Structure formats: C-alpha cells, structure tokens
Amino acid sequence: MFFIIRLLSTMVAILIIAYLLPGVMRVDSWLAALLAAFLLGIVNAVIRPLLILLTLPLTVLTLGLFLLIINGFMLWLVAALVRGFQVNGLWGAVFGSILISIVSWILSSLVTS
C-alpha cells in the first residue's frame, strides 16, 4: 500500500510541477506521468545506488551537492525513456528533481498522517 501511495504522490508531483513550471518539464497525459513516476522509482532503486558508489569521491569533495546532479540525471534518464514526458536540459532536471522531491514528500506526509 505504501508503494502505491508513494507512486501516486510522485505522479501528482510531476503533474503539479509540469503545470506550474512548463519551462522545466512537460507532461502530455496523466498516463505518461504515472509511467514516469514508476520508472523513476525503478531507476532510483537500481541505477542511482551504483552511480552514488561510483561517484563517491566527487560527492565527498562537494560535500554531497553532487547528489543533486545525480538526482537530476535520473530524472533526465526517465524523460528520455518515457514518451510524453520531457525535461528541458540537465539543469531543468536538477531543479525539477528537487521540486518533485519536495512536493511528493509533502503529499505523502499529508496522506499517511
């Protein structure tokens, strides 16, 4: 049940960010947002830990700020895989990933409380 709540809150966060900031990302349909949220969860579970391990010296050197770049790259990768979901550049992906994290955290905390 927690997985479904997390998936739906990420989907709603993607839709909200795409609606409020069309210069950062674009979503054609709610189905594309659902697929993007699902793939983002898979990519964050499988590929992100490997990238964090490989870039550990750079992450330590930047005091963890490089993790923002990794999160943006994960969103950019999902946008390349999902038709109907587009992110405008790497910096748009970094900004979008920060906003998606904040909005989905707020939505998840409201639903689970």
PDB file of N, CA and C in Angstrom:
ATOM      1  N   MET A   1       0.820  -1.188   0.000  1.00  0.00           N
ATOM      2  CA  MET A   1       0.000   0.000   0.000  1.00  0.00           C
ATOM      3  C   MET A   1       0.868   1.258   0.000  1.00  0.00           C
ATOM      4  N   PHE A   2       1.979   1.206   0.745  1.00  0.00           N
ATOM      5  CA  PHE A   2       2.883   2.353   0.800  1.00  0.00           C
ATOM      6  C   PHE A   2       3.465   2.647  -0.576  1.00  0.00           C
ATOM      7  N   PHE A   3       3.747   1.595  -1.351  1.00  0.00           N
ATOM      8  CA  PHE A   3       4.295   1.775  -2.694  1.00  0.00           C
ATOM      9  C   PHE A   3       3.305   2.518  -3.589  1.00  0.00           C
ATOM     10  N   ILE A   4       2.037   2.173  -3.497  1.00  0.00           N
ATOM     11  CA  ILE A   4       1.018   2.817  -4.331  1.00  0.00           C
ATOM     12  C   ILE A   4       0.851   4.281  -3.934  1.00  0.00           C
ATOM     13  N   ILE A   5       0.853   4.560  -2.636  1.00  0.00           N
ATOM     14  CA  ILE A   5       0.751   5.946  -2.167  1.00  0.00           C
ATOM     15  C   ILE A   5       1.947   6.749  -2.644  1.00  0.00           C
ATOM     16  N   ARG A   6       3.126   6.175  -2.547  1.00  0.00           N
ATOM     17  CA  ARG A   6       4.347   6.863  -2.987  1.00  0.00           C
ATOM     18  C   ARG A   6       4.325   7.084  -4.498  1.00  0.00           C
ATOM     19  N   LEU A   7       3.883   6.087  -5.247  1.00  0.00           N
ATOM     20  CA  LEU A   7       3.799   6.200  -6.701  1.00  0.00           C
ATOM     21  C   LEU A   7       2.810   7.289  -7.112  1.00  0.00           C
ATOM     22  N   LEU A   8       1.643   7.305  -6.504  1.00  0.00           N
ATOM     23  CA  LEU A   8       0.635   8.305  -6.836  1.00  0.00           C
ATOM     24  C   LEU A   8       1.056   9.709  -6.401  1.00  0.00           C
ATOM     25  N   SER A   9       1.738   9.823  -5.265  1.00  0.00           N
ATOM     26  CA  SER A   9       2.192  11.146  -4.843  1.00  0.00           C
ATOM     27  C   SER A   9       3.287  11.669  -5.768  1.00  0.00           C
ATOM     28  N   THR A  10       4.141  10.794  -6.269  1.00  0.00           N
ATOM     29  CA  THR A  10       5.154  11.218  -7.237  1.00  0.00           C
ATOM     30  C   THR A  10       4.507  11.604  -8.556  1.00  0.00           C
ATOM     31  N   MET A  11       3.484  10.867  -8.979  1.00  0.00           N
ATOM     32  CA  MET A  11       2.776  11.207 -10.207  1.00  0.00           C
ATOM     33  C   MET A  11       2.093  12.570 -10.088  1.00  0.00           C
ATOM     34  N   VAL A  12       1.421  12.805  -8.982  1.00  0.00           N
ATOM     35  CA  VAL A  12       0.767  14.095  -8.773  1.00  0.00           C
ATOM     36  C   VAL A  12       1.799  15.211  -8.696  1.00  0.00           C
ATOM     37  N   ALA A  13       2.935  14.954  -8.070  1.00  0.00           N
ATOM     38  CA  ALA A  13       4.001  15.956  -8.000  1.00  0.00           C
ATOM     39  C   ALA A  13       4.516  16.296  -9.392  1.00  0.00           C
ATOM     40  N   ILE A  14       4.688  15.300 -10.237  1.00  0.00           N
ATOM     41  CA  ILE A  14       5.132  15.541 -11.614  1.00  0.00           C
ATOM     42  C   ILE A  14       4.105  16.374 -12.357  1.00  0.00           C
ATOM     43  N   LEU A  15       2.830  16.056 -12.189  1.00  0.00           N
ATOM     44  CA  LEU A  15       1.778  16.814 -12.864  1.00  0.00           C
ATOM     45  C   LEU A  15       1.708  18.260 -12.361  1.00  0.00           C
ATOM     46  N   ILE A  16       1.867  18.462 -11.062  1.00  0.00           N
ATOM     47  CA  ILE A  16       1.836  19.811 -10.494  1.00  0.00           C
ATOM     48  C   ILE A  16       3.003  20.639 -10.999  1.00  0.00           C
ATOM     49  N   ILE A  17       4.211  20.066 -10.983  1.00  0.00           N
ATOM     50  CA  ILE A  17       5.399  20.795 -11.436  1.00  0.00           C
ATOM     51  C   ILE A  17       5.286  21.119 -12.920  1.00  0.00           C
ATOM     52  N   ALA A  18       4.800  20.176 -13.706  1.00  0.00           N
ATOM     53  CA  ALA A  18       4.651  20.416 -15.147  1.00  0.00           C
ATOM     54  C   ALA A  18       3.604  21.490 -15.425  1.00  0.00           C
ATOM     55  N   TYR A  19       2.563  21.549 -14.600  1.00  0.00           N
ATOM     56  CA  TYR A  19       1.528  22.562 -14.800  1.00  0.00           C
ATOM     57  C   TYR A  19       2.012  23.945 -14.364  1.00  0.00           C
ATOM     58  N   LEU A  20       2.668  24.009 -13.209  1.00  0.00           N
ATOM     59  CA  LEU A  20       3.102  25.299 -12.677  1.00  0.00           C
ATOM     60  C   LEU A  20       4.342  25.849 -13.359  1.00  0.00           C
ATOM     61  N   LEU A  21       5.245  24.987 -13.779  1.00  0.00           N
ATOM     62  CA  LEU A  21       6.505  25.409 -14.401  1.00  0.00           C
ATOM     63  C   LEU A  21       6.684  24.709 -15.745  1.00  0.00           C
ATOM     64  N   PRO A  22       5.982  25.161 -16.778  1.00  0.00           N
ATOM     65  CA  PRO A  22       6.102  24.482 -18.079  1.00  0.00           C
ATOM     66  C   PRO A  22       7.473  24.646 -18.720  1.00  0.00           C
ATOM     67  N   GLY A  23       8.289  25.568 -18.247  1.00  0.00           N
ATOM     68  CA  GLY A  23       9.638  25.719 -18.778  1.00  0.00           C
ATOM     69  C   GLY A  23      10.603  24.670 -18.264  1.00  0.00           C
ATOM     70  N   VAL A  24      10.232  24.004 -17.190  1.00  0.00           N
ATOM     71  CA  VAL A  24      11.108  22.987 -16.603  1.00  0.00           C
ATOM     72  C   VAL A  24      10.808  21.616 -17.183  1.00  0.00           C
ATOM     73  N   MET A  25       9.528  21.247 -17.215  1.00  0.00           N
ATOM     74  CA  MET A  25       9.157  19.939 -17.754  1.00  0.00           C
ATOM     75  C   MET A  25       7.775  20.014 -18.392  1.00  0.00           C
ATOM     76  N   ARG A  26       7.505  19.018 -19.235  1.00  0.00           N
ATOM     77  CA  ARG A  26       6.232  18.930 -19.941  1.00  0.00           C
ATOM     78  C   ARG A  26       5.725  17.496 -19.855  1.00  0.00           C
ATOM     79  N   VAL A  27       4.440  17.355 -19.541  1.00  0.00           N
ATOM     80  CA  VAL A  27       3.798  16.043 -19.462  1.00  0.00           C
ATOM     81  C   VAL A  27       2.561  16.098 -20.341  1.00  0.00           C
ATOM     82  N   ASP A  28       2.439  15.131 -21.252  1.00  0.00           N
ATOM     83  CA  ASP A  28       1.315  15.121 -22.178  1.00  0.00           C
ATOM     84  C   ASP A  28       0.041  14.550 -21.575  1.00  0.00           C
ATOM     85  N   SER A  29       0.161  13.577 -20.679  1.00  0.00           N
ATOM     86  CA  SER A  29      -1.029  12.953 -20.106  1.00  0.00           C
ATOM     87  C   SER A  29      -0.723  12.431 -18.707  1.00  0.00           C
ATOM     88  N   TRP A  30      -1.782  12.082 -17.999  1.00  0.00           N
ATOM     89  CA  TRP A  30      -1.583  11.516 -16.670  1.00  0.00           C
ATOM     90  C   TRP A  30      -0.958  10.132 -16.757  1.00  0.00           C
ATOM     91  N   LEU A  31      -1.182   9.436 -17.860  1.00  0.00           N
ATOM     92  CA  LEU A  31      -0.576   8.116 -18.046  1.00  0.00           C
ATOM     93  C   LEU A  31       0.938   8.230 -18.204  1.00  0.00           C
ATOM     94  N   ALA A  32       1.380   9.256 -18.927  1.00  0.00           N
ATOM     95  CA  ALA A  32       2.822   9.493 -19.060  1.00  0.00           C
ATOM     96  C   ALA A  32       3.426   9.849 -17.707  1.00  0.00           C
ATOM     97  N   ALA A  33       2.690  10.615 -16.889  1.00  0.00           N
ATOM     98  CA  ALA A  33       3.179  10.958 -15.552  1.00  0.00           C
ATOM     99  C   ALA A  33       3.248   9.726 -14.657  1.00  0.00           C
ATOM    100  N   LEU A  34       2.261   8.835 -14.782  1.00  0.00           N
ATOM    101  CA  LEU A  34       2.268   7.598 -13.995  1.00  0.00           C
ATOM    102  C   LEU A  34       3.440   6.707 -14.398  1.00  0.00           C
ATOM    103  N   LEU A  35       3.663   6.571 -15.703  1.00  0.00           N
ATOM    104  CA  LEU A  35       4.788   5.770 -16.175  1.00  0.00           C
ATOM    105  C   LEU A  35       6.119   6.393 -15.763  1.00  0.00           C
ATOM    106  N   ALA A  36       6.210   7.714 -15.819  1.00  0.00           N
ATOM    107  CA  ALA A  36       7.434   8.399 -15.398  1.00  0.00           C
ATOM    108  C   ALA A  36       7.680   8.196 -13.909  1.00  0.00           C
ATOM    109  N   ALA A  37       6.632   8.261 -13.097  1.00  0.00           N
ATOM    110  CA  ALA A  37       6.788   8.041 -11.659  1.00  0.00           C
ATOM    111  C   ALA A  37       7.216   6.606 -11.372  1.00  0.00           C
ATOM    112  N   PHE A  38       6.637   5.649 -12.086  1.00  0.00           N
ATOM    113  CA  PHE A  38       7.003   4.247 -11.897  1.00  0.00           C
ATOM    114  C   PHE A  38       8.458   4.003 -12.304  1.00  0.00           C
ATOM    115  N   LEU A  39       8.835   4.509 -13.472  1.00  0.00           N
ATOM    116  CA  LEU A  39      10.222   4.339 -13.926  1.00  0.00           C
ATOM    117  C   LEU A  39      11.208   5.083 -13.040  1.00  0.00           C
ATOM    118  N   LEU A  40      10.809   6.236 -12.535  1.00  0.00           N
ATOM    119  CA  LEU A  40      11.689   6.978 -11.635  1.00  0.00           C
ATOM    120  C   LEU A  40      11.964   6.186 -10.364  1.00  0.00           C
ATOM    121  N   GLY A  41      10.940   5.504  -9.874  1.00  0.00           N
ATOM    122  CA  GLY A  41      11.140   4.648  -8.707  1.00  0.00           C
ATOM    123  C   GLY A  41      12.078   3.493  -8.992  1.00  0.00           C
ATOM    124  N   ILE A  42      11.941   2.875 -10.158  1.00  0.00           N
ATOM    125  CA  ILE A  42      12.823   1.759 -10.520  1.00  0.00           C
ATOM    126  C   ILE A  42      14.256   2.243 -10.733  1.00  0.00           C
ATOM    127  N   VAL A  43      14.403   3.348 -11.452  1.00  0.00           N
ATOM    128  CA  VAL A  43      15.741   3.888 -11.726  1.00  0.00           C
ATOM    129  C   VAL A  43      16.417   4.303 -10.424  1.00  0.00           C
ATOM    130  N   ASN A  44      15.653   4.919  -9.512  1.00  0.00           N
ATOM    131  CA  ASN A  44      16.236   5.328  -8.237  1.00  0.00           C
ATOM    132  C   ASN A  44      16.602   4.134  -7.358  1.00  0.00           C
ATOM    133  N   ALA A  45      15.923   3.020  -7.547  1.00  0.00           N
ATOM    134  CA  ALA A  45      16.229   1.832  -6.750  1.00  0.00           C
ATOM    135  C   ALA A  45      17.386   1.027  -7.318  1.00  0.00           C
ATOM    136  N   VAL A  46      17.591   1.064  -8.634  1.00  0.00           N
ATOM    137  CA  VAL A  46      18.600   0.201  -9.263  1.00  0.00           C
ATOM    138  C   VAL A  46      19.851   0.977  -9.683  1.00  0.00           C
ATOM    139  N   ILE A  47      19.677   2.019 -10.472  1.00  0.00           N
ATOM    140  CA  ILE A  47      20.826   2.698 -11.060  1.00  0.00           C
ATOM    141  C   ILE A  47      21.436   3.732 -10.117  1.00  0.00           C
ATOM    142  N   ARG A  48      20.603   4.452  -9.370  1.00  0.00           N
ATOM    143  CA  ARG A  48      21.105   5.521  -8.503  1.00  0.00           C
ATOM    144  C   ARG A  48      22.129   5.040  -7.475  1.00  0.00           C
ATOM    145  N   PRO A  49      21.919   3.907  -6.783  1.00  0.00           N
ATOM    146  CA  PRO A  49      22.948   3.458  -5.829  1.00  0.00           C
ATOM    147  C   PRO A  49      24.296   3.156  -6.497  1.00  0.00           C
ATOM    148  N   LEU A  50      24.255   2.630  -7.715  1.00  0.00           N
ATOM    149  CA  LEU A  50      25.508   2.363  -8.426  1.00  0.00           C
ATOM    150  C   LEU A  50      26.236   3.661  -8.767  1.00  0.00           C
ATOM    151  N   LEU A  51      25.473   4.656  -9.226  1.00  0.00           N
ATOM    152  CA  LEU A  51      26.087   5.946  -9.532  1.00  0.00           C
ATOM    153  C   LEU A  51      26.636   6.632  -8.289  1.00  0.00           C
ATOM    154  N   ILE A  52      25.937   6.511  -7.186  1.00  0.00           N
ATOM    155  CA  ILE A  52      26.427   7.104  -5.936  1.00  0.00           C
ATOM    156  C   ILE A  52      27.723   6.436  -5.511  1.00  0.00           C
ATOM    157  N   LEU A  53      27.793   5.127  -5.656  1.00  0.00           N
ATOM    158  CA  LEU A  53      29.015   4.408  -5.294  1.00  0.00           C
ATOM    159  C   LEU A  53      30.176   4.786  -6.205  1.00  0.00           C
ATOM    160  N   LEU A  54      29.897   4.909  -7.509  1.00  0.00           N
ATOM    161  CA  LEU A  54      30.959   5.255  -8.455  1.00  0.00           C
ATOM    162  C   LEU A  54      31.451   6.690  -8.302  1.00  0.00           C
ATOM    163  N   THR A  55      30.573   7.578  -7.888  1.00  0.00           N
ATOM    164  CA  THR A  55      30.949   8.987  -7.764  1.00  0.00           C
ATOM    165  C   THR A  55      31.161   9.404  -6.316  1.00  0.00           C
ATOM    166  N   LEU A  56      31.420   8.458  -5.448  1.00  0.00           N
ATOM    167  CA  LEU A  56      31.596   8.755  -4.032  1.00  0.00           C
ATOM    168  C   LEU A  56      32.698   9.776  -3.755  1.00  0.00           C
ATOM    169  N   PRO A  57      33.876   9.676  -4.390  1.00  0.00           N
ATOM    170  CA  PRO A  57      34.891  10.708  -4.120  1.00  0.00           C
ATOM    171  C   PRO A  57      34.439  12.119  -4.507  1.00  0.00           C
ATOM    172  N   LEU A  58      33.746  12.233  -5.634  1.00  0.00           N
ATOM    173  CA  LEU A  58      33.248  13.538  -6.065  1.00  0.00           C
ATOM    174  C   LEU A  58      32.142  14.037  -5.134  1.00  0.00           C
ATOM    175  N   THR A  59      31.330  13.129  -4.648  1.00  0.00           N
ATOM    176  CA  THR A  59      30.268  13.503  -3.719  1.00  0.00           C
ATOM    177  C   THR A  59      30.852  13.987  -2.397  1.00  0.00           C
ATOM    178  N   VAL A  60      31.878  13.319  -1.918  1.00  0.00           N
ATOM    179  CA  VAL A  60      32.533  13.740  -0.681  1.00  0.00           C
ATOM    180  C   VAL A  60      33.225  15.085  -0.884  1.00  0.00           C
ATOM    181  N   LEU A  61      33.859  15.255  -2.025  1.00  0.00           N
ATOM    182  CA  LEU A  61      34.566  16.503  -2.322  1.00  0.00           C
ATOM    183  C   LEU A  61      33.608  17.693  -2.380  1.00  0.00           C
ATOM    184  N   THR A  62      32.413  17.487  -2.889  1.00  0.00           N
ATOM    185  CA  THR A  62      31.433  18.576  -2.994  1.00  0.00           C
ATOM    186  C   THR A  62      30.485  18.619  -1.793  1.00  0.00           C
ATOM    187  N   LEU A  63      30.800  17.867  -0.761  1.00  0.00           N
ATOM    188  CA  LEU A  63      30.008  17.814   0.469  1.00  0.00           C
ATOM    189  C   LEU A  63      28.552  17.407   0.214  1.00  0.00           C
ATOM    190  N   GLY A  64      28.371  16.492  -0.726  1.00  0.00           N
ATOM    191  CA  GLY A  64      27.063  15.929  -1.014  1.00  0.00           C
ATOM    192  C   GLY A  64      26.255  16.662  -2.062  1.00  0.00           C
ATOM    193  N   LEU A  65      26.727  17.797  -2.531  1.00  0.00           N
ATOM    194  CA  LEU A  65      25.971  18.545  -3.526  1.00  0.00           C
ATOM    195  C   LEU A  65      25.905  17.839  -4.877  1.00  0.00           C
ATOM    196  N   PHE A  66      26.852  16.955  -5.146  1.00  0.00           N
ATOM    197  CA  PHE A  66      26.820  16.216  -6.405  1.00  0.00           C
ATOM    198  C   PHE A  66      25.636  15.262  -6.470  1.00  0.00           C
ATOM    199  N   LEU A  67      25.056  14.934  -5.320  1.00  0.00           N
ATOM    200  CA  LEU A  67      23.864  14.084  -5.311  1.00  0.00           C
ATOM    201  C   LEU A  67      22.691  14.773  -6.019  1.00  0.00           C
ATOM    202  N   LEU A  68      22.655  16.095  -6.003  1.00  0.00           N
ATOM    203  CA  LEU A  68      21.625  16.824  -6.745  1.00  0.00           C
ATOM    204  C   LEU A  68      21.769  16.588  -8.242  1.00  0.00           C
ATOM    205  N   ILE A  69      23.024  16.555  -8.719  1.00  0.00           N
ATOM    206  CA  ILE A  69      23.282  16.288 -10.134  1.00  0.00           C
ATOM    207  C   ILE A  69      22.868  14.861 -10.481  1.00  0.00           C
ATOM    208  N   ILE A  70      23.153  13.919  -9.603  1.00  0.00           N
ATOM    209  CA  ILE A  70      22.768  12.520  -9.836  1.00  0.00           C
ATOM    210  C   ILE A  70      21.246  12.394  -9.889  1.00  0.00           C
ATOM    211  N   ASN A  71      20.536  13.063  -8.973  1.00  0.00           N
ATOM    212  CA  ASN A  71      19.068  13.025  -8.995  1.00  0.00           C
ATOM    213  C   ASN A  71      18.528  13.642 -10.277  1.00  0.00           C
ATOM    214  N   GLY A  72      19.122  14.736 -10.714  1.00  0.00           N
ATOM    215  CA  GLY A  72      18.710  15.350 -11.970  1.00  0.00           C
ATOM    216  C   GLY A  72      18.971  14.437 -13.155  1.00  0.00           C
ATOM    217  N   PHE A  73      20.091  13.745 -13.132  1.00  0.00           N
ATOM    218  CA  PHE A  73      20.412  12.810 -14.213  1.00  0.00           C
ATOM    219  C   PHE A  73      19.420  11.656 -14.255  1.00  0.00           C
ATOM    220  N   MET A  74      18.970  11.199 -13.093  1.00  0.00           N
ATOM    221  CA  MET A  74      17.974  10.129 -13.051  1.00  0.00           C
ATOM    222  C   MET A  74      16.657  10.596 -13.668  1.00  0.00           C
ATOM    223  N   LEU A  75      16.247  11.832 -13.368  1.00  0.00           N
ATOM    224  CA  LEU A  75      15.017  12.369 -13.958  1.00  0.00           C
ATOM    225  C   LEU A  75      15.187  12.565 -15.456  1.00  0.00           C
ATOM    226  N   TRP A  76      16.346  13.018 -15.870  1.00  0.00           N
ATOM    227  CA  TRP A  76      16.642  13.210 -17.292  1.00  0.00           C
ATOM    228  C   TRP A  76      16.614  11.874 -18.038  1.00  0.00           C
ATOM    229  N   LEU A  77      17.140  10.825 -17.409  1.00  0.00           N
ATOM    230  CA  LEU A  77      17.116   9.491 -17.997  1.00  0.00           C
ATOM    231  C   LEU A  77      15.684   8.991 -18.163  1.00  0.00           C
ATOM    232  N   VAL A  78      14.860   9.201 -17.159  1.00  0.00           N
ATOM    233  CA  VAL A  78      13.456   8.792 -17.251  1.00  0.00           C
ATOM    234  C   VAL A  78      12.747   9.566 -18.350  1.00  0.00           C
ATOM    235  N   ALA A  79      13.046  10.851 -18.481  1.00  0.00           N
ATOM    236  CA  ALA A  79      12.435  11.655 -19.544  1.00  0.00           C
ATOM    237  C   ALA A  79      12.851  11.165 -20.924  1.00  0.00           C
ATOM    238  N   ALA A  80      14.051  10.622 -21.042  1.00  0.00           N
ATOM    239  CA  ALA A  80      14.496  10.074 -22.321  1.00  0.00           C
ATOM    240  C   ALA A  80      13.794   8.755 -22.634  1.00  0.00           C
ATOM    241  N   LEU A  81      13.343   8.040 -21.615  1.00  0.00           N
ATOM    242  CA  LEU A  81      12.718   6.738 -21.815  1.00  0.00           C
ATOM    243  C   LEU A  81      11.199   6.797 -21.980  1.00  0.00           C
ATOM    244  N   VAL A  82      10.554   7.802 -21.407  1.00  0.00           N
ATOM    245  CA  VAL A  82       9.094   7.871 -21.409  1.00  0.00           C
ATOM    246  C   VAL A  82       8.636   8.847 -22.483  1.00  0.00           C
ATOM    247  N   ARG A  83       7.844   8.359 -23.400  1.00  0.00           N
ATOM    248  CA  ARG A  83       7.260   9.215 -24.428  1.00  0.00           C
ATOM    249  C   ARG A  83       6.117  10.006 -23.802  1.00  0.00           C
ATOM    250  N   GLY A  84       6.118  11.314 -24.016  1.00  0.00           N
ATOM    251  CA  GLY A  84       5.105  12.183 -23.429  1.00  0.00           C
ATOM    252  C   GLY A  84       5.567  12.882 -22.174  1.00  0.00           C
ATOM    253  N   PHE A  85       6.800  12.642 -21.764  1.00  0.00           N
ATOM    254  CA  PHE A  85       7.382  13.288 -20.587  1.00  0.00           C
ATOM    255  C   PHE A  85       8.710  13.883 -21.009  1.00  0.00           C
ATOM    256  N   GLN A  86       8.846  15.190 -20.869  1.00  0.00           N
ATOM    257  CA  GLN A  86      10.044  15.877 -21.354  1.00  0.00           C
ATOM    258  C   GLN A  86      10.574  16.811 -20.278  1.00  0.00           C
ATOM    259  N   VAL A  87      11.892  16.811 -20.113  1.00  0.00           N
ATOM    260  CA  VAL A  87      12.574  17.715 -19.196  1.00  0.00           C
ATOM    261  C   VAL A  87      13.513  18.567 -20.027  1.00  0.00           C
ATOM    262  N   ASN A  88      13.533  19.856 -19.747  1.00  0.00           N
ATOM    263  CA  ASN A  88      14.337  20.785 -20.531  1.00  0.00           C
ATOM    264  C   ASN A  88      15.750  20.904 -19.967  1.00  0.00           C
ATOM    265  N   GLY A  89      16.643  20.055 -20.424  1.00  0.00           N
ATOM    266  CA  GLY A  89      18.056  20.128 -20.071  1.00  0.00           C
ATOM    267  C   GLY A  89      18.375  19.531 -18.716  1.00  0.00           C
ATOM    268  N   LEU A  90      19.668  19.418 -18.446  1.00  0.00           N
ATOM    269  CA  LEU A  90      20.116  18.827 -17.187  1.00  0.00           C
ATOM    270  C   LEU A  90      19.791  19.730 -16.005  1.00  0.00           C
ATOM    271  N   TRP A  91      19.958  21.037 -16.160  1.00  0.00           N
ATOM    272  CA  TRP A  91      19.663  21.932 -15.041  1.00  0.00           C
ATOM    273  C   TRP A  91      18.168  21.991 -14.758  1.00  0.00           C
ATOM    274  N   GLY A  92      17.361  21.880 -15.791  1.00  0.00           N
ATOM    275  CA  GLY A  92      15.924  21.762 -15.584  1.00  0.00           C
ATOM    276  C   GLY A  92      15.573  20.474 -14.857  1.00  0.00           C
ATOM    277  N   ALA A  93      16.316  19.414 -15.168  1.00  0.00           N
ATOM    278  CA  ALA A  93      16.102  18.136 -14.494  1.00  0.00           C
ATOM    279  C   ALA A  93      16.523  18.210 -13.028  1.00  0.00           C
ATOM    280  N   VAL A  94      17.625  18.906 -12.750  1.00  0.00           N
ATOM    281  CA  VAL A  94      18.070  19.060 -11.358  1.00  0.00           C
ATOM    282  C   VAL A  94      17.033  19.853 -10.570  1.00  0.00           C
ATOM    283  N   PHE A  95      16.590  20.972 -11.145  1.00  0.00           N
ATOM    284  CA  PHE A  95      15.575  21.794 -10.486  1.00  0.00           C
ATOM    285  C   PHE A  95      14.267  21.027 -10.348  1.00  0.00           C
ATOM    286  N   GLY A  96      13.878  20.304 -11.390  1.00  0.00           N
ATOM    287  CA  GLY A  96      12.659  19.509 -11.347  1.00  0.00           C
ATOM    288  C   GLY A  96      12.715  18.387 -10.327  1.00  0.00           C
ATOM    289  N   SER A  97      13.884  17.749 -10.196  1.00  0.00           N
ATOM    290  CA  SER A  97      14.005  16.662  -9.222  1.00  0.00           C
ATOM    291  C   SER A  97      13.915  17.186  -7.794  1.00  0.00           C
ATOM    292  N   ILE A  98      14.442  18.374  -7.557  1.00  0.00           N
ATOM    293  CA  ILE A  98      14.323  18.981  -6.223  1.00  0.00           C
ATOM    294  C   ILE A  98      12.855  19.275  -5.925  1.00  0.00           C
ATOM    295  N   LEU A  99      12.169  19.869  -6.898  1.00  0.00           N
ATOM    296  CA  LEU A  99      10.759  20.206  -6.693  1.00  0.00           C
ATOM    297  C   LEU A  99       9.883  18.963  -6.562  1.00  0.00           C
ATOM    298  N   ILE A 100      10.146  17.944  -7.365  1.00  0.00           N
ATOM    299  CA  ILE A 100       9.377  16.700  -7.266  1.00  0.00           C
ATOM    300  C   ILE A 100       9.581  16.061  -5.892  1.00  0.00           C
ATOM    301  N   SER A 101      10.796  16.083  -5.392  1.00  0.00           N
ATOM    302  CA  SER A 101      11.066  15.520  -4.066  1.00  0.00           C
ATOM    303  C   SER A 101      10.299  16.255  -2.983  1.00  0.00           C
ATOM    304  N   ILE A 102      10.291  17.583  -3.052  1.00  0.00           N
ATOM    305  CA  ILE A 102       9.605  18.376  -2.032  1.00  0.00           C
ATOM    306  C   ILE A 102       8.093  18.155  -2.092  1.00  0.00           C
ATOM    307  N   VAL A 103       7.529  18.250  -3.295  1.00  0.00           N
ATOM    308  CA  VAL A 103       6.073  18.125  -3.432  1.00  0.00           C
ATOM    309  C   VAL A 103       5.607  16.713  -3.093  1.00  0.00           C
ATOM    310  N   SER A 104       6.323  15.683  -3.545  1.00  0.00           N
ATOM    311  CA  SER A 104       5.896  14.320  -3.237  1.00  0.00           C
ATOM    312  C   SER A 104       6.067  14.006  -1.749  1.00  0.00           C
ATOM    313  N   TRP A 105       7.057  14.605  -1.102  1.00  0.00           N
ATOM    314  CA  TRP A 105       7.221  14.429   0.347  1.00  0.00           C
ATOM    315  C   TRP A 105       6.046  15.047   1.084  1.00  0.00           C
ATOM    316  N   ILE A 106       5.640  16.251   0.668  1.00  0.00           N
ATOM    317  CA  ILE A 106       4.504  16.919   1.302  1.00  0.00           C
ATOM    318  C   ILE A 106       3.224  16.110   1.086  1.00  0.00           C
ATOM    319  N   LEU A 107       3.008  15.648  -0.154  1.00  0.00           N
ATOM    320  CA  LEU A 107       1.804  14.861  -0.437  1.00  0.00           C
ATOM    321  C   LEU A 107       1.793  13.544   0.331  1.00  0.00           C
ATOM    322  N   SER A 108       2.926  12.871   0.391  1.00  0.00           N
ATOM    323  CA  SER A 108       2.992  11.604   1.120  1.00  0.00           C
ATOM    324  C   SER A 108       2.746  11.802   2.612  1.00  0.00           C
ATOM    325  N   SER A 109       3.280  12.885   3.167  1.00  0.00           N
ATOM    326  CA  SER A 109       3.078  13.131   4.591  1.00  0.00           C
ATOM    327  C   SER A 109       1.628  13.522   4.894  1.00  0.00           C
ATOM    328  N   LEU A 110       0.962  14.192   3.960  1.00  0.00           N
ATOM    329  CA  LEU A 110      -0.454  14.531   4.167  1.00  0.00           C
ATOM    330  C   LEU A 110      -1.340  13.299   4.097  1.00  0.00           C
ATOM    331  N   VAL A 111      -1.024  12.382   3.196  1.00  0.00           N
ATOM    332  CA  VAL A 111      -1.855  11.193   3.017  1.00  0.00           C
ATOM    333  C   VAL A 111      -1.639  10.190   4.140  1.00  0.00           C
ATOM    334  N   THR A 112      -0.406  10.002   4.576  1.00  0.00           N
ATOM    335  CA  THR A 112      -0.123   8.992   5.593  1.00  0.00           C
ATOM    336  C   THR A 112      -0.403   9.474   7.014  1.00  0.00           C
ATOM    337  N   SER A 113      -0.619  10.764   7.208  1.00  0.00           N
ATOM    338  CA  SER A 113      -0.887  11.272   8.568  1.00  0.00           C
ATOM    339  C   SER A 113      -2.281  10.961   9.022  1.00  0.00           C
TER     340      SER A 113
END
